Amino acid sequence: MVSANREMAVYCFDTLVAHYNNEEAPPPAFEAGQHPLFVTWKKVVTNGEPRLRGCIGTLEARCLINGFRDYALTSALRDRRFPPIQARELPFLECTVSVLTDYEIANSYLDWEVGKHGIIIEFTDDFNTRRSATYLPEVAAHEGWTKIKAIDSLMQKAGYSGTITESLRGRIRLTRYQSTLFTMHYSDYVTYVEANRGAAPSINGVRPANY
């Protein structure tokens, strides 16, 4: 089974740096497989929790190389919840790559474990609108949510703004899945590039940071 690893996170940083420099990213150092995947960018602020700056991926299997290349940029630049990440933010970023596995249809909307499973919900609301959304496995545990709180939040993420009832929850078709993930801070990326390529990455218009 393919697991998320350091080289995948390096490739996401390479892709974003190359975008700002208007050049091609170096070839990735991992093999091409077919898996669903996500790329998450967070900004590390002084004495605070890393702040989400973008998270987009696909629940369908994709070539890992093309997928991480595409979603590294999509999540950084085109997540509609946030302004695009600017080059000057790079030294403060951390990247988490997720490879999704073990999809299973659940018996009910409560048939999953917080901290173990990611969840995909699909339901038709009271206005006959079909809705769907997902949370990665780490989200509910990080937020300290119960299963019901996570489900209700995910229904809102899917665009539903009405009253959430037990009857409505009961209509949910839930798919659970697991994932492996790897997180890398920009400073660790710089260290990797220096060790493996002989020089630190440079970004047009951004002064080098001291680590």
N, C-alpha and C. Protein backbone atom coordinates (compact mmCIF):
# COMPACT_ATOMS: atom_id res chain seq x y z
N MET A 1 0.84 -1.20 0.00
CA MET A 1 0.00 0.00 0.00
C MET A 1 0.87 1.25 0.00
N VAL A 2 0.51 2.21 -0.81
CA VAL A 2 1.24 3.48 -0.87
C VAL A 2 0.90 4.33 0.35
N SER A 3 1.91 4.88 1.00
CA SER A 3 1.71 5.77 2.14
C SER A 3 2.22 7.17 1.81
N ALA A 4 1.59 8.17 2.39
CA ALA A 4 2.08 9.54 2.24
C ALA A 4 3.49 9.62 2.80
N ASN A 5 4.37 10.38 2.14
CA ASN A 5 5.77 10.43 2.58
C ASN A 5 6.39 11.80 2.32
N ARG A 6 7.62 11.92 2.79
CA ARG A 6 8.35 13.19 2.72
C ARG A 6 8.49 13.68 1.28
N GLU A 7 8.80 12.76 0.37
CA GLU A 7 9.04 13.18 -1.02
C GLU A 7 7.79 13.78 -1.66
N MET A 8 6.61 13.33 -1.24
CA MET A 8 5.37 13.91 -1.76
C MET A 8 5.20 15.34 -1.28
N ALA A 9 5.52 15.58 0.00
CA ALA A 9 5.43 16.95 0.52
C ALA A 9 6.48 17.85 -0.14
N VAL A 10 7.69 17.32 -0.35
CA VAL A 10 8.73 18.07 -1.05
C VAL A 10 8.24 18.48 -2.44
N TYR A 11 7.61 17.54 -3.14
CA TYR A 11 7.14 17.83 -4.50
C TYR A 11 6.08 18.92 -4.50
N CYS A 12 5.23 18.94 -3.48
CA CYS A 12 4.23 20.01 -3.39
C CYS A 12 4.90 21.36 -3.19
N PHE A 13 5.89 21.42 -2.30
CA PHE A 13 6.64 22.67 -2.13
C PHE A 13 7.38 23.04 -3.42
N ASP A 14 8.02 22.04 -4.06
CA ASP A 14 8.71 22.30 -5.33
C ASP A 14 7.76 22.92 -6.35
N THR A 15 6.55 22.38 -6.40
CA THR A 15 5.56 22.84 -7.38
C THR A 15 5.15 24.28 -7.11
N LEU A 16 4.95 24.61 -5.83
CA LEU A 16 4.55 25.97 -5.49
C LEU A 16 5.69 26.96 -5.72
N VAL A 17 6.91 26.59 -5.33
CA VAL A 17 8.07 27.45 -5.57
C VAL A 17 8.26 27.68 -7.07
N ALA A 18 8.13 26.61 -7.85
CA ALA A 18 8.29 26.73 -9.30
C ALA A 18 7.23 27.65 -9.90
N HIS A 19 6.01 27.60 -9.35
CA HIS A 19 4.95 28.50 -9.82
C HIS A 19 5.35 29.96 -9.64
N TYR A 20 5.86 30.29 -8.45
CA TYR A 20 6.25 31.68 -8.19
C TYR A 20 7.44 32.10 -9.04
N ASN A 21 8.30 31.15 -9.39
CA ASN A 21 9.48 31.45 -10.19
C ASN A 21 9.24 31.30 -11.69
N ASN A 22 8.00 30.91 -12.05
CA ASN A 22 7.64 30.73 -13.46
C ASN A 22 8.58 29.74 -14.15
N GLU A 23 8.78 28.59 -13.49
CA GLU A 23 9.65 27.56 -14.05
C GLU A 23 9.06 26.18 -13.77
N GLU A 24 9.68 25.16 -14.29
CA GLU A 24 9.24 23.79 -14.08
C GLU A 24 9.77 23.26 -12.75
N ALA A 25 8.95 22.49 -12.05
CA ALA A 25 9.40 21.87 -10.81
C ALA A 25 10.33 20.70 -11.12
N PRO A 26 11.29 20.40 -10.24
CA PRO A 26 12.11 19.19 -10.42
C PRO A 26 11.24 17.95 -10.43
N PRO A 27 11.68 16.88 -11.08
CA PRO A 27 10.88 15.65 -11.10
C PRO A 27 10.72 15.09 -9.69
N PRO A 28 9.59 14.46 -9.41
CA PRO A 28 9.36 13.93 -8.06
C PRO A 28 10.21 12.69 -7.77
N ALA A 29 10.43 12.45 -6.48
CA ALA A 29 11.25 11.31 -6.05
C ALA A 29 10.38 10.21 -5.45
N PHE A 30 9.16 10.03 -6.00
CA PHE A 30 8.30 8.94 -5.57
C PHE A 30 7.63 8.35 -6.81
N GLU A 31 7.15 7.13 -6.66
CA GLU A 31 6.59 6.42 -7.80
C GLU A 31 5.14 6.84 -8.06
N ALA A 32 4.76 6.74 -9.30
CA ALA A 32 3.39 7.09 -9.69
C ALA A 32 2.47 5.91 -9.42
N GLY A 33 1.50 6.11 -8.53
CA GLY A 33 0.44 5.14 -8.32
C GLY A 33 -0.89 5.83 -8.54
N GLN A 34 -1.97 5.14 -8.28
CA GLN A 34 -3.32 5.69 -8.45
C GLN A 34 -4.02 5.68 -7.10
N HIS A 35 -4.28 6.86 -6.53
CA HIS A 35 -4.95 6.94 -5.24
C HIS A 35 -5.70 8.28 -5.14
N PRO A 36 -6.78 8.31 -4.37
CA PRO A 36 -7.34 9.61 -3.97
C PRO A 36 -6.32 10.33 -3.07
N LEU A 37 -6.35 11.65 -3.09
CA LEU A 37 -5.33 12.40 -2.35
C LEU A 37 -5.84 13.80 -2.01
N PHE A 38 -5.21 14.42 -1.00
CA PHE A 38 -5.48 15.80 -0.62
C PHE A 38 -4.17 16.51 -0.32
N VAL A 39 -4.17 17.81 -0.56
CA VAL A 39 -3.04 18.67 -0.16
C VAL A 39 -3.58 19.78 0.74
N THR A 40 -2.98 19.93 1.90
CA THR A 40 -3.39 20.94 2.88
C THR A 40 -2.23 21.88 3.15
N TRP A 41 -2.50 23.17 3.05
CA TRP A 41 -1.51 24.19 3.42
C TRP A 41 -1.97 24.91 4.67
N LYS A 42 -1.07 25.06 5.63
CA LYS A 42 -1.34 25.86 6.82
C LYS A 42 -0.22 26.88 7.02
N LYS A 43 -0.58 28.00 7.61
CA LYS A 43 0.39 29.05 7.91
C LYS A 43 0.67 29.04 9.41
N VAL A 44 1.94 28.90 9.76
CA VAL A 44 2.34 28.84 11.15
C VAL A 44 2.56 30.27 11.66
N VAL A 45 1.77 30.66 12.65
CA VAL A 45 1.90 31.99 13.22
C VAL A 45 2.55 31.88 14.59
N THR A 46 3.24 32.93 15.02
CA THR A 46 3.99 32.90 16.27
C THR A 46 3.07 32.61 17.45
N ASN A 47 3.46 31.61 18.25
CA ASN A 47 2.74 31.26 19.48
C ASN A 47 1.26 30.93 19.23
N GLY A 48 0.97 30.37 18.09
CA GLY A 48 -0.43 30.03 17.80
C GLY A 48 -0.54 28.75 17.02
N GLU A 49 -1.77 28.26 16.90
CA GLU A 49 -2.05 27.08 16.09
C GLU A 49 -1.83 27.41 14.61
N PRO A 50 -1.25 26.49 13.85
CA PRO A 50 -1.17 26.71 12.40
C PRO A 50 -2.56 26.99 11.84
N ARG A 51 -2.63 27.98 10.96
CA ARG A 51 -3.91 28.44 10.44
C ARG A 51 -4.12 27.92 9.02
N LEU A 52 -5.28 27.32 8.76
CA LEU A 52 -5.55 26.75 7.44
C LEU A 52 -5.51 27.83 6.37
N ARG A 53 -4.79 27.52 5.25
CA ARG A 53 -4.71 28.45 4.12
C ARG A 53 -5.24 27.82 2.84
N GLY A 54 -5.51 26.53 2.88
CA GLY A 54 -6.06 25.88 1.70
C GLY A 54 -6.04 24.38 1.87
N CYS A 55 -7.10 23.72 1.42
CA CYS A 55 -7.16 22.26 1.47
C CYS A 55 -8.10 21.78 0.38
N ILE A 56 -7.54 21.16 -0.63
CA ILE A 56 -8.34 20.65 -1.75
C ILE A 56 -7.71 19.34 -2.22
N GLY A 57 -8.55 18.43 -2.65
CA GLY A 57 -8.06 17.17 -3.19
C GLY A 57 -9.15 16.48 -3.97
N THR A 58 -9.00 15.19 -4.13
CA THR A 58 -9.96 14.41 -4.89
C THR A 58 -10.27 13.11 -4.17
N LEU A 59 -11.53 12.71 -4.20
CA LEU A 59 -11.96 11.44 -3.62
C LEU A 59 -11.91 10.31 -4.63
N GLU A 60 -11.56 10.64 -5.87
CA GLU A 60 -11.38 9.64 -6.91
C GLU A 60 -9.89 9.37 -7.10
N ALA A 61 -9.56 8.14 -7.45
CA ALA A 61 -8.16 7.78 -7.66
C ALA A 61 -7.57 8.58 -8.82
N ARG A 62 -6.36 9.14 -8.57
CA ARG A 62 -5.64 9.88 -9.60
C ARG A 62 -4.19 9.46 -9.57
N CYS A 63 -3.50 9.64 -10.66
CA CYS A 63 -2.05 9.48 -10.68
C CYS A 63 -1.46 10.39 -9.61
N LEU A 64 -0.67 9.82 -8.70
CA LEU A 64 -0.16 10.61 -7.58
C LEU A 64 0.69 11.79 -8.03
N ILE A 65 1.52 11.59 -9.04
CA ILE A 65 2.40 12.67 -9.49
C ILE A 65 1.57 13.83 -10.05
N ASN A 66 0.67 13.55 -10.98
CA ASN A 66 -0.17 14.61 -11.53
C ASN A 66 -1.09 15.19 -10.47
N GLY A 67 -1.60 14.32 -9.58
CA GLY A 67 -2.53 14.78 -8.56
C GLY A 67 -1.88 15.73 -7.58
N PHE A 68 -0.71 15.38 -7.06
CA PHE A 68 -0.05 16.29 -6.12
C PHE A 68 0.41 17.58 -6.80
N ARG A 69 0.82 17.47 -8.05
CA ARG A 69 1.19 18.70 -8.79
C ARG A 69 -0.01 19.62 -8.93
N ASP A 70 -1.15 19.07 -9.35
CA ASP A 70 -2.33 19.89 -9.58
C ASP A 70 -2.91 20.44 -8.28
N TYR A 71 -3.03 19.59 -7.27
CA TYR A 71 -3.70 20.03 -6.05
C TYR A 71 -2.80 20.84 -5.13
N ALA A 72 -1.48 20.73 -5.29
CA ALA A 72 -0.59 21.65 -4.57
C ALA A 72 -0.91 23.09 -4.96
N LEU A 73 -1.14 23.31 -6.26
CA LEU A 73 -1.45 24.66 -6.73
C LEU A 73 -2.91 25.03 -6.48
N THR A 74 -3.81 24.08 -6.74
CA THR A 74 -5.23 24.39 -6.55
C THR A 74 -5.53 24.75 -5.10
N SER A 75 -4.99 23.99 -4.17
CA SER A 75 -5.27 24.26 -2.76
C SER A 75 -4.60 25.54 -2.29
N ALA A 76 -3.44 25.87 -2.86
CA ALA A 76 -2.73 27.08 -2.45
C ALA A 76 -3.32 28.35 -3.06
N LEU A 77 -3.84 28.24 -4.27
CA LEU A 77 -4.21 29.43 -5.03
C LEU A 77 -5.69 29.57 -5.32
N ARG A 78 -6.45 28.45 -5.24
CA ARG A 78 -7.83 28.51 -5.70
C ARG A 78 -8.84 27.91 -4.72
N ASP A 79 -8.48 27.82 -3.45
CA ASP A 79 -9.47 27.46 -2.44
C ASP A 79 -10.30 28.71 -2.18
N ARG A 80 -11.58 28.65 -2.52
CA ARG A 80 -12.42 29.85 -2.49
C ARG A 80 -12.65 30.39 -1.09
N ARG A 81 -12.31 29.62 -0.08
CA ARG A 81 -12.47 30.10 1.30
C ARG A 81 -11.39 31.08 1.73
N PHE A 82 -10.29 31.15 0.96
CA PHE A 82 -9.14 31.94 1.38
C PHE A 82 -8.57 32.72 0.20
N PRO A 83 -7.88 33.84 0.48
CA PRO A 83 -7.15 34.50 -0.60
C PRO A 83 -5.98 33.63 -1.03
N PRO A 84 -5.52 33.75 -2.28
CA PRO A 84 -4.39 32.94 -2.74
C PRO A 84 -3.16 33.14 -1.87
N ILE A 85 -2.41 32.08 -1.64
CA ILE A 85 -1.16 32.18 -0.89
C ILE A 85 -0.16 33.00 -1.69
N GLN A 86 0.47 33.95 -1.03
CA GLN A 86 1.47 34.80 -1.66
C GLN A 86 2.87 34.21 -1.45
N ALA A 87 3.78 34.53 -2.37
CA ALA A 87 5.14 34.00 -2.28
C ALA A 87 5.80 34.35 -0.94
N ARG A 88 5.52 35.54 -0.42
CA ARG A 88 6.15 35.95 0.83
C ARG A 88 5.69 35.12 2.03
N GLU A 89 4.61 34.36 1.87
CA GLU A 89 4.13 33.50 2.96
C GLU A 89 4.87 32.17 3.02
N LEU A 90 5.60 31.80 1.99
CA LEU A 90 6.22 30.48 1.92
C LEU A 90 7.02 30.10 3.17
N PRO A 91 7.86 30.99 3.71
CA PRO A 91 8.66 30.59 4.87
C PRO A 91 7.83 30.21 6.10
N PHE A 92 6.55 30.56 6.10
CA PHE A 92 5.69 30.29 7.25
C PHE A 92 4.74 29.11 7.02
N LEU A 93 4.87 28.46 5.87
CA LEU A 93 3.91 27.42 5.50
C LEU A 93 4.33 26.04 5.98
N GLU A 94 3.32 25.21 6.23
CA GLU A 94 3.54 23.77 6.34
C GLU A 94 2.58 23.09 5.39
N CYS A 95 3.04 21.99 4.83
CA CYS A 95 2.25 21.24 3.84
C CYS A 95 1.98 19.84 4.39
N THR A 96 0.71 19.43 4.33
CA THR A 96 0.35 18.06 4.68
C THR A 96 -0.21 17.38 3.44
N VAL A 97 0.38 16.24 3.10
CA VAL A 97 -0.13 15.43 1.99
C VAL A 97 -0.86 14.23 2.58
N SER A 98 -1.99 13.90 2.00
CA SER A 98 -2.81 12.78 2.47
C SER A 98 -3.09 11.84 1.30
N VAL A 99 -2.90 10.55 1.54
CA VAL A 99 -3.25 9.51 0.57
C VAL A 99 -4.39 8.70 1.18
N LEU A 100 -5.53 8.64 0.50
CA LEU A 100 -6.74 8.03 1.05
C LEU A 100 -6.85 6.56 0.64
N THR A 101 -7.32 5.74 1.60
CA THR A 101 -7.42 4.30 1.37
C THR A 101 -8.66 3.73 2.06
N ASP A 102 -8.95 2.47 1.82
CA ASP A 102 -9.92 1.68 2.59
C ASP A 102 -11.32 2.31 2.63
N TYR A 103 -11.88 2.58 1.47
CA TYR A 103 -13.24 3.11 1.38
C TYR A 103 -14.25 2.02 1.77
N GLU A 104 -15.21 2.36 2.62
CA GLU A 104 -16.25 1.43 3.04
C GLU A 104 -17.58 2.16 3.19
N ILE A 105 -18.67 1.53 2.74
CA ILE A 105 -20.00 2.08 2.97
C ILE A 105 -20.39 1.78 4.42
N ALA A 106 -20.74 2.80 5.18
CA ALA A 106 -21.10 2.61 6.58
C ALA A 106 -22.55 2.16 6.71
N ASN A 107 -22.85 1.52 7.85
CA ASN A 107 -24.21 1.06 8.11
C ASN A 107 -25.15 2.20 8.53
N SER A 108 -24.58 3.27 9.07
CA SER A 108 -25.37 4.43 9.48
C SER A 108 -24.44 5.63 9.56
N TYR A 109 -25.01 6.80 9.84
CA TYR A 109 -24.18 7.99 9.90
C TYR A 109 -23.26 8.00 11.13
N LEU A 110 -23.47 7.07 12.07
CA LEU A 110 -22.61 6.97 13.26
C LEU A 110 -21.63 5.80 13.17
N ASP A 111 -21.61 5.12 12.05
CA ASP A 111 -20.78 3.92 11.91
C ASP A 111 -19.37 4.29 11.44
N TRP A 112 -18.63 4.99 12.31
CA TRP A 112 -17.25 5.38 12.02
C TRP A 112 -16.59 5.79 13.33
N GLU A 113 -15.26 5.93 13.33
CA GLU A 113 -14.52 6.26 14.53
C GLU A 113 -13.80 7.59 14.36
N VAL A 114 -13.99 8.49 15.35
CA VAL A 114 -13.28 9.76 15.36
C VAL A 114 -11.79 9.48 15.49
N GLY A 115 -10.99 10.15 14.65
CA GLY A 115 -9.55 9.98 14.70
C GLY A 115 -9.02 8.86 13.82
N LYS A 116 -9.92 7.97 13.37
CA LYS A 116 -9.51 6.87 12.50
C LYS A 116 -10.03 7.05 11.08
N HIS A 117 -11.29 7.44 10.96
CA HIS A 117 -11.93 7.50 9.65
C HIS A 117 -12.14 8.94 9.17
N GLY A 118 -11.92 9.13 7.89
CA GLY A 118 -12.50 10.27 7.21
C GLY A 118 -13.91 9.88 6.79
N ILE A 119 -14.75 10.86 6.53
CA ILE A 119 -16.13 10.55 6.18
C ILE A 119 -16.59 11.39 4.99
N ILE A 120 -17.37 10.73 4.14
CA ILE A 120 -18.05 11.40 3.04
C ILE A 120 -19.54 11.24 3.29
N ILE A 121 -20.27 12.34 3.32
CA ILE A 121 -21.72 12.24 3.46
C ILE A 121 -22.40 12.68 2.18
N GLU A 122 -23.51 12.01 1.88
CA GLU A 122 -24.38 12.36 0.75
C GLU A 122 -25.81 12.31 1.26
N PHE A 123 -26.57 13.36 0.99
CA PHE A 123 -27.96 13.38 1.44
C PHE A 123 -28.78 14.33 0.57
N THR A 124 -30.10 14.14 0.62
CA THR A 124 -31.03 15.04 -0.05
C THR A 124 -31.78 15.81 1.02
N ASP A 125 -31.72 17.14 0.97
CA ASP A 125 -32.32 17.94 2.04
C ASP A 125 -33.84 18.09 1.84
N ASP A 126 -34.45 18.88 2.71
CA ASP A 126 -35.91 19.02 2.68
C ASP A 126 -36.41 19.76 1.44
N PHE A 127 -35.50 20.37 0.70
CA PHE A 127 -35.87 21.08 -0.53
C PHE A 127 -35.50 20.27 -1.76
N ASN A 128 -35.22 18.96 -1.54
CA ASN A 128 -34.90 18.02 -2.61
C ASN A 128 -33.59 18.37 -3.32
N THR A 129 -32.68 19.01 -2.59
CA THR A 129 -31.36 19.32 -3.13
C THR A 129 -30.36 18.28 -2.64
N ARG A 130 -29.64 17.67 -3.58
CA ARG A 130 -28.63 16.68 -3.22
C ARG A 130 -27.34 17.38 -2.79
N ARG A 131 -26.80 16.94 -1.67
CA ARG A 131 -25.61 17.59 -1.12
C ARG A 131 -24.59 16.53 -0.70
N SER A 132 -23.31 16.93 -0.72
CA SER A 132 -22.25 16.03 -0.27
C SER A 132 -21.06 16.85 0.20
N ALA A 133 -20.26 16.25 1.09
CA ALA A 133 -19.06 16.90 1.59
C ALA A 133 -18.22 15.85 2.31
N THR A 134 -16.96 16.19 2.59
CA THR A 134 -16.08 15.26 3.29
C THR A 134 -15.23 15.98 4.32
N TYR A 135 -14.85 15.25 5.34
CA TYR A 135 -13.82 15.66 6.29
C TYR A 135 -12.75 14.58 6.30
N LEU A 136 -11.49 15.00 6.27
CA LEU A 136 -10.38 14.06 6.40
C LEU A 136 -10.34 13.48 7.81
N PRO A 137 -9.66 12.34 8.01
CA PRO A 137 -9.70 11.66 9.31
C PRO A 137 -9.25 12.51 10.49
N GLU A 138 -8.34 13.44 10.28
CA GLU A 138 -7.80 14.20 11.41
C GLU A 138 -8.68 15.36 11.85
N VAL A 139 -9.68 15.73 11.07
CA VAL A 139 -10.44 16.96 11.33
C VAL A 139 -11.25 16.87 12.62
N ALA A 140 -12.08 15.85 12.75
CA ALA A 140 -12.96 15.75 13.92
C ALA A 140 -12.17 15.66 15.21
N ALA A 141 -11.09 14.88 15.21
CA ALA A 141 -10.27 14.74 16.41
C ALA A 141 -9.60 16.06 16.77
N HIS A 142 -9.09 16.77 15.76
CA HIS A 142 -8.43 18.05 16.01
C HIS A 142 -9.39 19.07 16.60
N GLU A 143 -10.63 19.06 16.13
CA GLU A 143 -11.62 20.01 16.61
C GLU A 143 -12.25 19.60 17.94
N GLY A 144 -12.01 18.36 18.37
CA GLY A 144 -12.61 17.87 19.60
C GLY A 144 -14.09 17.58 19.48
N TRP A 145 -14.54 17.21 18.28
CA TRP A 145 -15.95 17.00 18.02
C TRP A 145 -16.40 15.58 18.37
N THR A 146 -17.65 15.45 18.78
CA THR A 146 -18.32 14.17 18.81
C THR A 146 -18.71 13.79 17.38
N LYS A 147 -19.19 12.57 17.20
CA LYS A 147 -19.63 12.16 15.86
C LYS A 147 -20.77 13.05 15.36
N ILE A 148 -21.75 13.30 16.24
CA ILE A 148 -22.90 14.10 15.81
C ILE A 148 -22.48 15.53 15.47
N LYS A 149 -21.59 16.11 16.28
CA LYS A 149 -21.12 17.46 15.99
C LYS A 149 -20.39 17.49 14.64
N ALA A 150 -19.58 16.46 14.37
CA ALA A 150 -18.88 16.40 13.09
C ALA A 150 -19.86 16.27 11.93
N ILE A 151 -20.87 15.42 12.10
CA ILE A 151 -21.87 15.23 11.04
C ILE A 151 -22.61 16.54 10.78
N ASP A 152 -23.04 17.21 11.85
CA ASP A 152 -23.79 18.46 11.68
C ASP A 152 -22.93 19.53 11.00
N SER A 153 -21.66 19.60 11.40
CA SER A 153 -20.76 20.56 10.77
C SER A 153 -20.55 20.24 9.30
N LEU A 154 -20.45 18.95 8.98
CA LEU A 154 -20.24 18.55 7.60
C LEU A 154 -21.47 18.82 6.74
N MET A 155 -22.66 18.69 7.33
CA MET A 155 -23.88 19.04 6.59
C MET A 155 -23.89 20.53 6.25
N GLN A 156 -23.41 21.35 7.18
CA GLN A 156 -23.32 22.78 6.90
C GLN A 156 -22.26 23.06 5.85
N LYS A 157 -21.15 22.33 5.92
CA LYS A 157 -20.10 22.48 4.89
C LYS A 157 -20.66 22.14 3.51
N ALA A 158 -21.59 21.18 3.46
CA ALA A 158 -22.20 20.79 2.19
C ALA A 158 -23.16 21.85 1.66
N GLY A 159 -23.38 22.90 2.44
CA GLY A 159 -24.23 24.00 1.98
C GLY A 159 -25.61 24.03 2.57
N TYR A 160 -25.89 23.12 3.50
CA TYR A 160 -27.22 23.09 4.11
C TYR A 160 -27.26 24.07 5.28
N SER A 161 -28.24 24.97 5.26
CA SER A 161 -28.32 26.01 6.29
C SER A 161 -29.61 25.92 7.11
N GLY A 162 -30.39 24.89 6.88
CA GLY A 162 -31.65 24.74 7.61
C GLY A 162 -31.46 24.04 8.95
N THR A 163 -32.58 23.70 9.58
CA THR A 163 -32.56 22.99 10.85
C THR A 163 -32.14 21.53 10.63
N ILE A 164 -31.20 21.07 11.44
CA ILE A 164 -30.73 19.69 11.33
C ILE A 164 -31.49 18.84 12.33
N THR A 165 -32.23 17.88 11.83
CA THR A 165 -33.03 16.99 12.66
C THR A 165 -32.49 15.57 12.60
N GLU A 166 -32.91 14.75 13.53
CA GLU A 166 -32.49 13.35 13.51
C GLU A 166 -33.01 12.65 12.25
N SER A 167 -34.19 13.06 11.81
CA SER A 167 -34.74 12.50 10.58
C SER A 167 -33.84 12.81 9.38
N LEU A 168 -33.34 14.04 9.32
CA LEU A 168 -32.46 14.42 8.21
C LEU A 168 -31.13 13.68 8.31
N ARG A 169 -30.58 13.58 9.50
CA ARG A 169 -29.33 12.81 9.67
C ARG A 169 -29.51 11.37 9.20
N GLY A 170 -30.70 10.82 9.46
CA GLY A 170 -30.96 9.43 9.10
C GLY A 170 -30.98 9.18 7.61
N ARG A 171 -31.10 10.24 6.80
CA ARG A 171 -31.09 10.07 5.34
C ARG A 171 -29.67 10.01 4.77
N ILE A 172 -28.69 10.25 5.61
CA ILE A 172 -27.31 10.36 5.12
C ILE A 172 -26.79 9.00 4.67
N ARG A 173 -26.17 8.99 3.52
CA ARG A 173 -25.37 7.85 3.07
C ARG A 173 -23.92 8.20 3.38
N LEU A 174 -23.32 7.44 4.26
CA LEU A 174 -21.97 7.77 4.72
C LEU A 174 -20.97 6.74 4.22
N THR A 175 -19.90 7.24 3.64
CA THR A 175 -18.75 6.41 3.27
C THR A 175 -17.59 6.79 4.18
N ARG A 176 -16.96 5.80 4.77
CA ARG A 176 -15.81 6.07 5.62
C ARG A 176 -14.53 5.62 4.91
N TYR A 177 -13.43 6.25 5.26
CA TYR A 177 -12.15 5.89 4.66
C TYR A 177 -11.04 6.20 5.65
N GLN A 178 -9.86 5.71 5.36
CA GLN A 178 -8.70 6.00 6.18
C GLN A 178 -7.65 6.70 5.32
N SER A 179 -6.61 7.19 5.96
CA SER A 179 -5.58 7.88 5.20
C SER A 179 -4.24 7.77 5.91
N THR A 180 -3.19 7.93 5.14
CA THR A 180 -1.88 8.20 5.71
C THR A 180 -1.55 9.64 5.37
N LEU A 181 -0.76 10.29 6.20
CA LEU A 181 -0.42 11.68 5.93
C LEU A 181 1.02 11.97 6.35
N PHE A 182 1.56 13.00 5.76
CA PHE A 182 2.90 13.46 6.11
C PHE A 182 2.89 14.98 6.08
N THR A 183 3.44 15.58 7.14
CA THR A 183 3.47 17.04 7.25
C THR A 183 4.91 17.54 7.24
N MET A 184 5.16 18.58 6.48
CA MET A 184 6.50 19.17 6.38
C MET A 184 6.40 20.69 6.45
N HIS A 185 7.23 21.30 7.30
CA HIS A 185 7.32 22.76 7.36
C HIS A 185 8.31 23.24 6.30
N TYR A 186 8.16 24.48 5.89
CA TYR A 186 9.05 25.03 4.85
C TYR A 186 10.51 24.93 5.27
N SER A 187 10.81 25.15 6.55
CA SER A 187 12.21 25.07 7.00
C SER A 187 12.78 23.67 6.79
N ASP A 188 11.94 22.63 6.98
CA ASP A 188 12.39 21.26 6.72
C ASP A 188 12.57 21.02 5.22
N TYR A 189 11.73 21.65 4.43
CA TYR A 189 11.89 21.58 2.98
C TYR A 189 13.22 22.19 2.55
N VAL A 190 13.56 23.35 3.11
CA VAL A 190 14.82 24.01 2.79
C VAL A 190 15.99 23.09 3.15
N THR A 191 15.93 22.49 4.34
CA THR A 191 16.99 21.57 4.77
C THR A 191 17.13 20.41 3.80
N TYR A 192 15.99 19.85 3.36
CA TYR A 192 16.00 18.74 2.41
C TYR A 192 16.65 19.16 1.09
N VAL A 193 16.26 20.31 0.57
CA VAL A 193 16.79 20.76 -0.72
C VAL A 193 18.29 21.03 -0.62
N GLU A 194 18.72 21.65 0.48
CA GLU A 194 20.15 21.91 0.65
C GLU A 194 20.94 20.61 0.69
N ALA A 195 20.42 19.61 1.40
CA ALA A 195 21.14 18.34 1.56
C ALA A 195 21.17 17.53 0.27
N ASN A 196 20.11 17.63 -0.54
CA ASN A 196 19.99 16.77 -1.71
C ASN A 196 20.33 17.46 -3.02
N ARG A 197 20.32 18.80 -3.03
CA ARG A 197 20.57 19.52 -4.29
C ARG A 197 21.69 20.54 -4.16
N GLY A 198 22.23 20.71 -2.96
CA GLY A 198 23.42 21.53 -2.79
C GLY A 198 23.20 23.00 -2.57
N ALA A 199 21.97 23.47 -2.66
CA ALA A 199 21.68 24.89 -2.46
C ALA A 199 20.24 25.06 -2.01
N ALA A 200 19.99 26.10 -1.22
CA ALA A 200 18.63 26.37 -0.74
C ALA A 200 17.75 26.85 -1.89
N PRO A 201 16.46 26.59 -1.83
CA PRO A 201 15.56 27.12 -2.86
C PRO A 201 15.50 28.64 -2.80
N SER A 202 15.34 29.25 -3.94
CA SER A 202 15.18 30.70 -4.00
C SER A 202 13.84 31.02 -4.64
N ILE A 203 13.23 32.11 -4.16
CA ILE A 203 11.93 32.52 -4.68
C ILE A 203 12.05 33.94 -5.17
N ASN A 204 11.61 34.20 -6.39
CA ASN A 204 11.70 35.53 -6.96
C ASN A 204 11.01 36.55 -6.07
N GLY A 205 11.74 37.60 -5.69
CA GLY A 205 11.15 38.69 -4.93
C GLY A 205 11.03 38.44 -3.44
N VAL A 206 11.55 37.30 -2.95
CA VAL A 206 11.46 36.99 -1.52
C VAL A 206 12.86 36.82 -0.97
N ARG A 207 13.15 37.56 0.09
CA ARG A 207 14.47 37.43 0.71
C ARG A 207 14.58 36.11 1.45
N PRO A 208 15.77 35.50 1.43
CA PRO A 208 15.95 34.23 2.17
C PRO A 208 15.70 34.45 3.66
N ALA A 209 15.08 33.45 4.30
CA ALA A 209 14.86 33.51 5.74
C ALA A 209 15.97 32.79 6.46
N ASN A 210 16.19 33.15 7.70
CA ASN A 210 17.18 32.47 8.53
C ASN A 210 16.48 31.43 9.39
N TYR A 211 17.01 30.22 9.40
CA TYR A 211 16.39 29.14 10.16
C TYR A 211 17.35 28.69 11.24
